[in-house]
Amino acid sequence: MITEAIVALNKRIGSSQYAITKFMEEKHKQLPQSFRKLLLLNLKKLVASGKLLKVKASFKLPPRYLSHRNLLRSSVQNRILI
């Protein structure tokens, strides 16, 4: 859900925790009360594992993930056009 939010927000400098929270609250109506704390813990865990980059107060996907995602997106678009 976190990577989905970052990709959907599509900001060049990354997405803040606040923006990710707002996106997830709009998309998923039924979230637990401890959602914000769980989000913070998961963001920290993803940064520690290298799956997210933290730039100042924003989070973004590493370049290798973005290039892989763009390849998948272009292959899907090619199938639609055929």
C-alpha atoms as a PDB file:
ATOM      1  CA  MET A   1       0.000   0.000   0.000  1.00  0.00           C
ATOM      2  CA  ILE A   2       2.876   2.374   0.731  1.00  0.00           C
ATOM      3  CA  THR A   3       4.574   1.897  -2.625  1.00  0.00           C
ATOM      4  CA  GLU A   4       1.197   2.227  -4.336  1.00  0.00           C
ATOM      5  CA  ALA A   5       0.680   5.579  -2.636  1.00  0.00           C
ATOM      6  CA  ILE A   6       4.145   6.854  -3.576  1.00  0.00           C
ATOM      7  CA  VAL A   7       3.710   5.813  -7.213  1.00  0.00           C
ATOM      8  CA  ALA A   8       0.229   7.327  -7.404  1.00  0.00           C
ATOM      9  CA  LEU A   9       1.324  10.632  -5.875  1.00  0.00           C
ATOM     10  CA  ASN A  10       4.189  10.739  -8.400  1.00  0.00           C
ATOM     11  CA  LYS A  11       6.225  13.556  -6.858  1.00  0.00           C
ATOM     12  CA  ARG A  12       9.766  14.109  -8.112  1.00  0.00           C
ATOM     13  CA  ILE A  13      11.193  14.794  -4.662  1.00  0.00           C
ATOM     14  CA  GLY A  14       9.171  12.051  -2.970  1.00  0.00           C
ATOM     15  CA  SER A  15       6.021  11.966  -0.883  1.00  0.00           C
ATOM     16  CA  SER A  16       5.752  13.087   2.725  1.00  0.00           C
ATOM     17  CA  GLN A  17       4.344  10.883   5.437  1.00  0.00           C
ATOM     18  CA  TYR A  18       1.373  13.237   5.633  1.00  0.00           C
ATOM     19  CA  ALA A  19       0.653  12.902   1.886  1.00  0.00           C
ATOM     20  CA  ILE A  20       0.946   9.114   2.049  1.00  0.00           C
ATOM     21  CA  THR A  21      -1.427   9.072   5.047  1.00  0.00           C
ATOM     22  CA  LYS A  22      -4.011  11.240   3.283  1.00  0.00           C
ATOM     23  CA  PHE A  23      -3.855   9.095   0.119  1.00  0.00           C
ATOM     24  CA  MET A  24      -4.321   5.874   2.067  1.00  0.00           C
ATOM     25  CA  GLU A  25      -7.180   7.296   4.150  1.00  0.00           C
ATOM     26  CA  GLU A  26      -9.008   8.400   1.002  1.00  0.00           C
ATOM     27  CA  LYS A  27      -8.501   5.115  -0.795  1.00  0.00           C
ATOM     28  CA  HIS A  28      -9.093   2.732   2.135  1.00  0.00           C
ATOM     29  CA  LYS A  29     -11.960   3.863   4.327  1.00  0.00           C
ATOM     30  CA  GLN A  30     -11.683   1.136   6.991  1.00  0.00           C
ATOM     31  CA  LEU A  31      -8.305   1.640   8.669  1.00  0.00           C
ATOM     32  CA  PRO A  32      -7.425   0.802  12.288  1.00  0.00           C
ATOM     33  CA  GLN A  33      -7.024   3.601  14.820  1.00  0.00           C
ATOM     34  CA  SER A  34      -3.321   2.821  15.158  1.00  0.00           C
ATOM     35  CA  PHE A  35      -2.866   3.269  11.402  1.00  0.00           C
ATOM     36  CA  ARG A  36      -0.569   6.316  11.592  1.00  0.00           C
ATOM     37  CA  LYS A  37       1.784   4.649  14.066  1.00  0.00           C
ATOM     38  CA  LEU A  38       1.875   1.471  11.956  1.00  0.00           C
ATOM     39  CA  LEU A  39       2.595   3.544   8.857  1.00  0.00           C
ATOM     40  CA  LEU A  40       5.510   5.276  10.576  1.00  0.00           C
ATOM     41  CA  LEU A  41       6.971   1.954  11.718  1.00  0.00           C
ATOM     42  CA  ASN A  42       6.617   0.434   8.250  1.00  0.00           C
ATOM     43  CA  LEU A  43       8.201   3.473   6.594  1.00  0.00           C
ATOM     44  CA  LYS A  44      11.191   3.188   8.928  1.00  0.00           C
ATOM     45  CA  LYS A  45      11.439  -0.535   8.223  1.00  0.00           C
ATOM     46  CA  LEU A  46      11.334  -0.007   4.446  1.00  0.00           C
ATOM     47  CA  VAL A  47      14.011   2.689   4.624  1.00  0.00           C
ATOM     48  CA  ALA A  48      16.248   0.416   6.727  1.00  0.00           C
ATOM     49  CA  SER A  49      15.857  -2.443   4.232  1.00  0.00           C
ATOM     50  CA  GLY A  50      16.609  -0.189   1.253  1.00  0.00           C
ATOM     51  CA  LYS A  51      13.204  -0.498  -0.399  1.00  0.00           C
ATOM     52  CA  LEU A  52      12.537   3.229   0.156  1.00  0.00           C
ATOM     53  CA  LEU A  53      14.785   6.266   0.181  1.00  0.00           C
ATOM     54  CA  LYS A  54      14.304   9.056   2.693  1.00  0.00           C
ATOM     55  CA  VAL A  55      15.062  12.510   1.316  1.00  0.00           C
ATOM     56  CA  LYS A  56      14.659  15.182   4.002  1.00  0.00           C
ATOM     57  CA  ALA A  57      11.050  14.627   5.187  1.00  0.00           C
ATOM     58  CA  SER A  58       9.917  12.706   2.083  1.00  0.00           C
ATOM     59  CA  PHE A  59      10.041   9.104   0.972  1.00  0.00           C
ATOM     60  CA  LYS A  60      10.642   7.894  -2.564  1.00  0.00           C
ATOM     61  CA  LEU A  61      11.346   4.671  -4.368  1.00  0.00           C
ATOM     62  CA  PRO A  62      14.937   3.799  -5.280  1.00  0.00           C
ATOM     63  CA  PRO A  63      15.893   4.182  -8.973  1.00  0.00           C
ATOM     64  CA  ARG A  64      16.139   0.420  -9.597  1.00  0.00           C
ATOM     65  CA  TYR A  65      12.507  -0.055  -8.528  1.00  0.00           C
ATOM     66  CA  LEU A  66      11.295   2.804 -10.712  1.00  0.00           C
ATOM     67  CA  SER A  67      13.051   1.473 -13.816  1.00  0.00           C
ATOM     68  CA  HIS A  68      11.565  -1.997 -13.240  1.00  0.00           C
ATOM     69  CA  ARG A  69       8.104  -0.485 -12.739  1.00  0.00           C
ATOM     70  CA  ASN A  70       8.423   1.583 -15.934  1.00  0.00           C
ATOM     71  CA  LEU A  71       9.371  -1.542 -17.899  1.00  0.00           C
ATOM     72  CA  LEU A  72       6.288  -3.344 -16.589  1.00  0.00           C
ATOM     73  CA  ARG A  73       4.065  -0.356 -17.354  1.00  0.00           C
ATOM     74  CA  SER A  74       5.381  -0.041 -20.931  1.00  0.00           C
ATOM     75  CA  SER A  75       4.930  -3.774 -21.611  1.00  0.00           C
ATOM     76  CA  VAL A  76       1.315  -3.588 -20.392  1.00  0.00           C
ATOM     77  CA  GLN A  77       0.677  -0.538 -22.589  1.00  0.00           C
ATOM     78  CA  ASN A  78       2.167  -2.332 -25.572  1.00  0.00           C
ATOM     79  CA  ARG A  79      -0.186  -5.275 -25.045  1.00  0.00           C
ATOM     80  CA  ILE A  80      -3.151  -2.909 -24.937  1.00  0.00           C
ATOM     81  CA  LEU A  81      -2.138  -1.253 -28.189  1.00  0.00           C
ATOM     82  CA  ILE A  82      -1.771  -4.559 -30.058  1.00  0.00           C
END
